[in-house]
Every structure is written in C-alpha cells, then in structure tokens.
Amino acid sequence: MRAFLIDRAAQMLRARQPISLRSLVAGTGVSTMAVYTYFGGMDGLWKAMRQEGFIRLAARLSRVTMSEDPVQDLTSLGAAYVTNALDEPDLYRVMFDANFDLEDPQAADDTLHSLVHAVQRGKAIGRFRSNVDPLTLATQSWAIGHGLVSLVATGPLPREALAYGIPMLTALFVGAGDDPDSCPQSVERGWGRLLPEPATSRRRQVHDPQDTP
C-alpha cells in the first residue's frame, strides 16, 4: 500500500494533477486513512517520495559494474544517475524539494559517497592529483550530470544534449590531474551508453542480403 500511494502520487505529478488527500485516493478504493496510517499525513507522503527517489537511485548505482579504471567508473556512476532521473522523472523532481525533510538523510549521502570512493581509487593510482579533495570532485561531477539531466528530463533540451557530458567531464577530470590522452577514452566508455547509437552502427547490425556484392 505504501509503494502504491507513492507511485500514484508520482503518476499524478506526471499528469500535472493537483495532489490532495482526497484526490490521491479518489477512484482507488483506498481510504484517506491509509495516508495517515502509512505516512502520518500528506507531509509524510512527500517525505516518503523524496526518500523513495534516493532509494531507487541507490539501487541503480549499486548495479554499476566496477572496472579497473576508476575514471570510467566515476563516469559510469554519473551516467547511472542520469539514467535513473530519466526513468523516474517524477520522483527526481521531488528528490530535491528541500521543503520536506528526508526520512533518512544518510541514504542521500550514501549515493554521493559511491562517487567519492571512485575518486579515492583514482587518487590511489595517480589518475588524480594527491591534493584533490574526493568529495569536491565527486560533487562537481555530480553537478554536471544533474544540470544536464535537469535540462533534458524537465527542460528544453533534447536527449542528444547529454553528449555534452563527455567534454565537460573530461575537462573536469583533466583539470584534476588525469592524463589528457587517456581521460577522454575513460569518460566515453562510462558515459557512452547514455547516447543514441550512431546510425552507421545500426546499419551494420541490420544486414540486407541485397547489399551483398
């Protein structure tokens, strides 16, 4: 029931329907008391929606397979953040509504810490300078992904604009000490799955017998 009410509120946000205690349960057969039972009222529902957004983000980040390349992994985690926002646009909007407290603020901190750990790995093998602050660099990389996906998921830019993430992240990481020659490849591998497949690649996958000499 808790998950049902959270998802219903998210669907109403997507449809731009006003959300109230009565409108939330209208036509569902659910009593308004359920909102009090599971959330303590509408404010509790909004808190739970924020929390659910970070829970789903943490689950998405946990599915990122780590490699031996920490710069690629840092980029992959940023790409997972973007993917989660595109898949959960309604919860994504609520996640950063500071008008309502999180039920568990540590859950939000933990999602950022996964990026911090990737930066620490990069420092350990010399990809980033020894004086780079892991939290600062992780936050900066997160900000790039957050800004882009905000403009794509809820704003005016097309999905193709996500390609801007590659030069922006490359510049950030090179500025933090990464090698200008190897950094672009690491970023492209981590970020590339967000981008539309090139038309030439799609044509190679669809073989037309008439094209055979």
C-alpha atoms as a PDB file:
ATOM      1  CA  MET A   1       0.000   0.000   0.000  1.00  0.00           C
ATOM      2  CA  ARG A   2       2.851   2.381   0.840  1.00  0.00           C
ATOM      3  CA  ALA A   3       4.508   1.804  -2.540  1.00  0.00           C
ATOM      4  CA  PHE A   4       1.135   2.078  -4.300  1.00  0.00           C
ATOM      5  CA  LEU A   5       0.430   5.503  -2.820  1.00  0.00           C
ATOM      6  CA  ILE A   6       3.932   6.762  -3.634  1.00  0.00           C
ATOM      7  CA  ASP A   7       3.650   5.594  -7.235  1.00  0.00           C
ATOM      8  CA  ARG A   8       0.164   7.052  -7.582  1.00  0.00           C
ATOM      9  CA  ALA A   9       1.344  10.439  -6.337  1.00  0.00           C
ATOM     10  CA  ALA A  10       4.212  10.283  -8.825  1.00  0.00           C
ATOM     11  CA  GLN A  11       1.797   9.480 -11.647  1.00  0.00           C
ATOM     12  CA  MET A  12      -0.356  12.436 -10.657  1.00  0.00           C
ATOM     13  CA  LEU A  13       2.694  14.684 -10.766  1.00  0.00           C
ATOM     14  CA  ARG A  14       3.421  13.442 -14.271  1.00  0.00           C
ATOM     15  CA  ALA A  15      -0.140  14.242 -15.334  1.00  0.00           C
ATOM     16  CA  ARG A  16       0.124  17.622 -13.567  1.00  0.00           C
ATOM     17  CA  GLN A  17      -2.914  16.818 -11.463  1.00  0.00           C
ATOM     18  CA  PRO A  18      -3.345  18.615  -8.136  1.00  0.00           C
ATOM     19  CA  ILE A  19      -2.500  16.268  -5.270  1.00  0.00           C
ATOM     20  CA  SER A  20      -4.568  16.380  -2.122  1.00  0.00           C
ATOM     21  CA  LEU A  21      -5.593  13.820   0.434  1.00  0.00           C
ATOM     22  CA  ARG A  22      -8.854  13.123  -1.375  1.00  0.00           C
ATOM     23  CA  SER A  23      -7.588  13.303  -4.943  1.00  0.00           C
ATOM     24  CA  LEU A  24      -4.781  10.885  -4.132  1.00  0.00           C
ATOM     25  CA  VAL A  25      -7.181   8.085  -3.191  1.00  0.00           C
ATOM     26  CA  ALA A  26     -10.098   9.012  -5.473  1.00  0.00           C
ATOM     27  CA  GLY A  27     -11.234   6.042  -7.542  1.00  0.00           C
ATOM     28  CA  THR A  28      -8.784   3.637  -5.944  1.00  0.00           C
ATOM     29  CA  GLY A  29     -10.974   2.135  -3.244  1.00  0.00           C
ATOM     30  CA  VAL A  30      -8.375   3.198  -0.691  1.00  0.00           C
ATOM     31  CA  SER A  31      -9.460   5.172   2.365  1.00  0.00           C
ATOM     32  CA  THR A  32      -7.871   8.530   3.155  1.00  0.00           C
ATOM     33  CA  MET A  33      -6.913   6.961   6.478  1.00  0.00           C
ATOM     34  CA  ALA A  34      -4.297   4.925   4.606  1.00  0.00           C
ATOM     35  CA  VAL A  35      -2.316   8.124   4.044  1.00  0.00           C
ATOM     36  CA  TYR A  36      -2.266   8.730   7.805  1.00  0.00           C
ATOM     37  CA  THR A  37      -1.554   5.087   8.564  1.00  0.00           C
ATOM     38  CA  TYR A  38       1.483   4.826   6.308  1.00  0.00           C
ATOM     39  CA  PHE A  39       2.751   8.417   6.203  1.00  0.00           C
ATOM     40  CA  GLY A  40       1.134  10.334   9.045  1.00  0.00           C
ATOM     41  CA  GLY A  41      -0.444  12.723   6.552  1.00  0.00           C
ATOM     42  CA  MET A  42       0.413  14.447   3.287  1.00  0.00           C
ATOM     43  CA  ASP A  43       3.680  15.953   4.553  1.00  0.00           C
ATOM     44  CA  GLY A  44       4.804  12.445   5.412  1.00  0.00           C
ATOM     45  CA  LEU A  45       3.895  11.296   1.913  1.00  0.00           C
ATOM     46  CA  TRP A  46       6.132  13.944   0.358  1.00  0.00           C
ATOM     47  CA  LYS A  47       8.978  12.950   2.664  1.00  0.00           C
ATOM     48  CA  ALA A  48       8.485   9.328   1.664  1.00  0.00           C
ATOM     49  CA  MET A  49       8.509  10.253  -2.021  1.00  0.00           C
ATOM     50  CA  ARG A  50      11.823  12.074  -1.596  1.00  0.00           C
ATOM     51  CA  GLN A  51      13.209   9.063   0.242  1.00  0.00           C
ATOM     52  CA  GLU A  52      11.956   6.645  -2.396  1.00  0.00           C
ATOM     53  CA  GLY A  53      13.748   8.654  -5.056  1.00  0.00           C
ATOM     54  CA  PHE A  54      17.078   8.191  -3.284  1.00  0.00           C
ATOM     55  CA  ILE A  55      16.333   4.528  -2.564  1.00  0.00           C
ATOM     56  CA  ARG A  56      15.818   3.872  -6.272  1.00  0.00           C
ATOM     57  CA  LEU A  57      18.901   5.900  -7.142  1.00  0.00           C
ATOM     58  CA  ALA A  58      20.998   3.870  -4.694  1.00  0.00           C
ATOM     59  CA  ALA A  59      19.701   0.664  -6.262  1.00  0.00           C
ATOM     60  CA  ARG A  60      20.639   1.935  -9.720  1.00  0.00           C
ATOM     61  CA  LEU A  61      24.145   2.905  -8.627  1.00  0.00           C
ATOM     62  CA  SER A  62      24.659  -0.467  -6.963  1.00  0.00           C
ATOM     63  CA  ARG A  63      24.109  -2.171 -10.323  1.00  0.00           C
ATOM     64  CA  VAL A  64      27.043  -0.372 -11.935  1.00  0.00           C
ATOM     65  CA  THR A  65      29.822  -2.914 -12.510  1.00  0.00           C
ATOM     66  CA  MET A  66      33.163  -1.595 -11.338  1.00  0.00           C
ATOM     67  CA  SER A  67      36.207  -1.945 -13.579  1.00  0.00           C
ATOM     68  CA  GLU A  68      39.951  -1.408 -13.140  1.00  0.00           C
ATOM     69  CA  ASP A  69      39.516   2.148 -14.451  1.00  0.00           C
ATOM     70  CA  PRO A  70      38.258   4.443 -11.653  1.00  0.00           C
ATOM     71  CA  VAL A  71      37.699   7.374 -14.049  1.00  0.00           C
ATOM     72  CA  GLN A  72      35.466   5.202 -16.197  1.00  0.00           C
ATOM     73  CA  ASP A  73      33.665   4.025 -13.059  1.00  0.00           C
ATOM     74  CA  LEU A  74      33.181   7.568 -11.782  1.00  0.00           C
ATOM     75  CA  THR A  75      31.681   8.474 -15.152  1.00  0.00           C
ATOM     76  CA  SER A  76      29.531   5.327 -15.204  1.00  0.00           C
ATOM     77  CA  LEU A  77      28.071   6.239 -11.819  1.00  0.00           C
ATOM     78  CA  GLY A  78      27.225   9.681 -13.168  1.00  0.00           C
ATOM     79  CA  ALA A  79      25.605   8.075 -16.198  1.00  0.00           C
ATOM     80  CA  ALA A  80      23.574   5.811 -13.895  1.00  0.00           C
ATOM     81  CA  TYR A  81      22.394   8.907 -12.029  1.00  0.00           C
ATOM     82  CA  VAL A  82      21.240  10.441 -15.307  1.00  0.00           C
ATOM     83  CA  THR A  83      19.526   7.222 -16.398  1.00  0.00           C
ATOM     84  CA  ASN A  84      17.692   6.981 -13.100  1.00  0.00           C
ATOM     85  CA  ALA A  85      16.453  10.565 -13.457  1.00  0.00           C
ATOM     86  CA  LEU A  86      15.213   9.879 -16.995  1.00  0.00           C
ATOM     87  CA  ASP A  87      13.435   6.698 -15.870  1.00  0.00           C
ATOM     88  CA  GLU A  88      11.965   8.266 -12.712  1.00  0.00           C
ATOM     89  CA  PRO A  89      11.333  11.905 -13.737  1.00  0.00           C
ATOM     90  CA  ASP A  90       8.568  12.495 -11.209  1.00  0.00           C
ATOM     91  CA  LEU A  91      10.447  11.185  -8.190  1.00  0.00           C
ATOM     92  CA  TYR A  92      13.519  13.013  -9.492  1.00  0.00           C
ATOM     93  CA  ARG A  93      11.680  16.324  -9.175  1.00  0.00           C
ATOM     94  CA  VAL A  94      10.635  15.555  -5.606  1.00  0.00           C
ATOM     95  CA  MET A  95      14.071  14.293  -4.505  1.00  0.00           C
ATOM     96  CA  PHE A  96      15.461  17.805  -4.399  1.00  0.00           C
ATOM     97  CA  ASP A  97      12.447  19.570  -2.881  1.00  0.00           C
ATOM     98  CA  ALA A  98      14.030  20.856   0.316  1.00  0.00           C
ATOM     99  CA  ASN A  99      10.633  21.938   1.665  1.00  0.00           C
ATOM    100  CA  PHE A 100      10.294  18.416   3.058  1.00  0.00           C
ATOM    101  CA  ASP A 101      12.896  16.583   5.126  1.00  0.00           C
ATOM    102  CA  LEU A 102      14.186  13.174   4.176  1.00  0.00           C
ATOM    103  CA  GLU A 103      13.187  10.253   6.373  1.00  0.00           C
ATOM    104  CA  ASP A 104      16.818   9.070   6.291  1.00  0.00           C
ATOM    105  CA  PRO A 105      19.291  11.778   5.164  1.00  0.00           C
ATOM    106  CA  GLN A 106      22.136   9.254   5.290  1.00  0.00           C
ATOM    107  CA  ALA A 107      20.616   7.458   2.299  1.00  0.00           C
ATOM    108  CA  ALA A 108      21.171  10.548   0.168  1.00  0.00           C
ATOM    109  CA  ASP A 109      24.727  10.926   1.462  1.00  0.00           C
ATOM    110  CA  ASP A 110      25.468   7.299   0.627  1.00  0.00           C
ATOM    111  CA  THR A 111      24.636   7.818  -3.049  1.00  0.00           C
ATOM    112  CA  LEU A 112      27.226  10.592  -3.277  1.00  0.00           C
ATOM    113  CA  HIS A 113      29.753   8.518  -1.322  1.00  0.00           C
ATOM    114  CA  SER A 114      29.852   5.945  -4.118  1.00  0.00           C
ATOM    115  CA  LEU A 115      31.298   8.664  -6.372  1.00  0.00           C
ATOM    116  CA  VAL A 116      33.674   9.775  -3.619  1.00  0.00           C
ATOM    117  CA  HIS A 117      35.030   6.229  -3.417  1.00  0.00           C
ATOM    118  CA  ALA A 118      35.718   6.205  -7.167  1.00  0.00           C
ATOM    119  CA  VAL A 119      37.683   9.459  -6.823  1.00  0.00           C
ATOM    120  CA  GLN A 120      39.678   7.954  -3.959  1.00  0.00           C
ATOM    121  CA  ARG A 121      40.551   4.996  -6.165  1.00  0.00           C
ATOM    122  CA  GLY A 122      41.630   7.396  -8.895  1.00  0.00           C
ATOM    123  CA  LYS A 123      43.929   9.221  -6.483  1.00  0.00           C
ATOM    124  CA  ALA A 124      45.411   5.956  -5.265  1.00  0.00           C
ATOM    125  CA  ILE A 125      46.659   5.012  -8.740  1.00  0.00           C
ATOM    126  CA  GLY A 126      47.698   8.516  -9.765  1.00  0.00           C
ATOM    127  CA  ARG A 127      44.827   9.398 -12.080  1.00  0.00           C
ATOM    128  CA  PHE A 128      44.045  12.439  -9.931  1.00  0.00           C
ATOM    129  CA  ARG A 129      46.477  14.714  -8.105  1.00  0.00           C
ATOM    130  CA  SER A 130      47.187  13.918  -4.481  1.00  0.00           C
ATOM    131  CA  ASN A 131      45.778  17.277  -3.346  1.00  0.00           C
ATOM    132  CA  VAL A 132      42.379  16.712  -4.972  1.00  0.00           C
ATOM    133  CA  ASP A 133      39.560  16.579  -2.435  1.00  0.00           C
ATOM    134  CA  PRO A 134      37.446  13.480  -3.253  1.00  0.00           C
ATOM    135  CA  LEU A 135      34.187  14.989  -2.010  1.00  0.00           C
ATOM    136  CA  THR A 136      34.702  18.172  -4.018  1.00  0.00           C
ATOM    137  CA  LEU A 137      35.496  16.359  -7.272  1.00  0.00           C
ATOM    138  CA  ALA A 138      32.631  13.896  -6.773  1.00  0.00           C
ATOM    139  CA  THR A 139      30.228  16.783  -6.160  1.00  0.00           C
ATOM    140  CA  GLN A 140      31.459  18.638  -9.230  1.00  0.00           C
ATOM    141  CA  SER A 141      30.965  15.588 -11.446  1.00  0.00           C
ATOM    142  CA  TRP A 142      27.517  15.030  -9.939  1.00  0.00           C
ATOM    143  CA  ALA A 143      26.631  18.668 -10.653  1.00  0.00           C
ATOM    144  CA  ILE A 144      27.446  18.222 -14.334  1.00  0.00           C
ATOM    145  CA  GLY A 145      25.131  15.212 -14.618  1.00  0.00           C
ATOM    146  CA  HIS A 146      22.435  16.895 -12.557  1.00  0.00           C
ATOM    147  CA  GLY A 147      22.499  20.043 -14.662  1.00  0.00           C
ATOM    148  CA  LEU A 148      22.323  18.173 -17.947  1.00  0.00           C
ATOM    149  CA  VAL A 149      19.560  15.801 -16.952  1.00  0.00           C
ATOM    150  CA  SER A 150      17.528  18.632 -15.454  1.00  0.00           C
ATOM    151  CA  LEU A 151      17.563  20.363 -18.821  1.00  0.00           C
ATOM    152  CA  VAL A 152      16.740  17.138 -20.675  1.00  0.00           C
ATOM    153  CA  ALA A 153      14.232  15.439 -18.350  1.00  0.00           C
ATOM    154  CA  THR A 154      12.308  18.515 -17.251  1.00  0.00           C
ATOM    155  CA  GLY A 155      13.576  21.250 -19.535  1.00  0.00           C
ATOM    156  CA  PRO A 156      14.076  22.338 -23.130  1.00  0.00           C
ATOM    157  CA  LEU A 157      16.998  20.244 -24.365  1.00  0.00           C
ATOM    158  CA  PRO A 158      16.755  17.018 -26.426  1.00  0.00           C
ATOM    159  CA  ARG A 159      18.323  13.804 -25.190  1.00  0.00           C
ATOM    160  CA  GLU A 160      21.178  14.283 -27.649  1.00  0.00           C
ATOM    161  CA  ALA A 161      22.361  17.146 -25.424  1.00  0.00           C
ATOM    162  CA  LEU A 162      23.583  14.534 -22.930  1.00  0.00           C
ATOM    163  CA  ALA A 163      26.599  14.187 -25.224  1.00  0.00           C
ATOM    164  CA  TYR A 164      27.856  17.461 -23.742  1.00  0.00           C
ATOM    165  CA  GLY A 165      28.684  15.470 -20.640  1.00  0.00           C
ATOM    166  CA  ILE A 166      31.742  13.929 -22.310  1.00  0.00           C
ATOM    167  CA  PRO A 167      33.756  17.129 -22.919  1.00  0.00           C
ATOM    168  CA  MET A 168      32.556  18.667 -19.641  1.00  0.00           C
ATOM    169  CA  LEU A 169      33.587  15.675 -17.519  1.00  0.00           C
ATOM    170  CA  THR A 170      36.825  15.272 -19.472  1.00  0.00           C
ATOM    171  CA  ALA A 171      37.757  18.889 -18.769  1.00  0.00           C
ATOM    172  CA  LEU A 172      36.900  18.436 -15.093  1.00  0.00           C
ATOM    173  CA  PHE A 173      38.969  15.279 -14.677  1.00  0.00           C
ATOM    174  CA  VAL A 174      41.952  16.564 -16.684  1.00  0.00           C
ATOM    175  CA  GLY A 175      41.859  19.673 -14.505  1.00  0.00           C
ATOM    176  CA  ALA A 176      42.065  17.358 -11.502  1.00  0.00           C
ATOM    177  CA  GLY A 177      45.224  15.769 -12.883  1.00  0.00           C
ATOM    178  CA  ASP A 178      44.099  12.980 -15.217  1.00  0.00           C
ATOM    179  CA  ASP A 179      46.038  12.340 -18.409  1.00  0.00           C
ATOM    180  CA  PRO A 180      44.654  14.342 -21.372  1.00  0.00           C
ATOM    181  CA  ASP A 181      45.211  11.412 -23.721  1.00  0.00           C
ATOM    182  CA  SER A 182      43.641   8.583 -21.703  1.00  0.00           C
ATOM    183  CA  CYS A 183      40.917  10.557 -19.943  1.00  0.00           C
ATOM    184  CA  PRO A 184      38.615  11.012 -22.977  1.00  0.00           C
ATOM    185  CA  GLN A 185      38.524   7.249 -23.589  1.00  0.00           C
ATOM    186  CA  SER A 186      37.637   6.550 -19.957  1.00  0.00           C
ATOM    187  CA  VAL A 187      34.865   9.136 -19.995  1.00  0.00           C
ATOM    188  CA  GLU A 188      33.471   7.957 -23.317  1.00  0.00           C
ATOM    189  CA  ARG A 189      33.306   4.359 -22.089  1.00  0.00           C
ATOM    190  CA  GLY A 190      31.499   5.391 -18.909  1.00  0.00           C
ATOM    191  CA  TRP A 191      29.127   7.911 -20.472  1.00  0.00           C
ATOM    192  CA  GLY A 192      28.605   6.363 -23.898  1.00  0.00           C
ATOM    193  CA  ARG A 193      25.626   4.162 -23.045  1.00  0.00           C
ATOM    194  CA  LEU A 194      23.554   7.293 -22.488  1.00  0.00           C
ATOM    195  CA  LEU A 195      23.978   8.409 -26.072  1.00  0.00           C
ATOM    196  CA  PRO A 196      21.907   7.389 -29.104  1.00  0.00           C
ATOM    197  CA  GLU A 197      23.512   4.677 -31.180  1.00  0.00           C
ATOM    198  CA  PRO A 198      25.170   6.093 -34.307  1.00  0.00           C
ATOM    199  CA  ALA A 199      23.221   5.458 -37.497  1.00  0.00           C
ATOM    200  CA  THR A 200      26.231   3.736 -39.058  1.00  0.00           C
ATOM    201  CA  SER A 201      26.285   1.177 -36.238  1.00  0.00           C
ATOM    202  CA  ARG A 202      22.581   0.473 -36.640  1.00  0.00           C
ATOM    203  CA  ARG A 203      23.030  -0.101 -40.360  1.00  0.00           C
ATOM    204  CA  ARG A 204      25.821  -2.595 -39.724  1.00  0.00           C
ATOM    205  CA  GLN A 205      23.551  -4.594 -37.407  1.00  0.00           C
ATOM    206  CA  VAL A 206      20.721  -4.834 -39.968  1.00  0.00           C
ATOM    207  CA  HIS A 207      22.162  -6.851 -42.859  1.00  0.00           C
ATOM    208  CA  ASP A 208      20.328  -6.606 -46.167  1.00  0.00           C
ATOM    209  CA  PRO A 209      21.130  -9.546 -48.476  1.00  0.00           C
ATOM    210  CA  GLN A 210      20.709  -7.239 -51.469  1.00  0.00           C
ATOM    211  CA  ASP A 211      23.695  -5.251 -50.264  1.00  0.00           C
ATOM    212  CA  THR A 212      25.985  -8.274 -50.752  1.00  0.00           C
ATOM    213  CA  PRO A 213      28.080  -7.896 -53.939  1.00  0.00           C
END
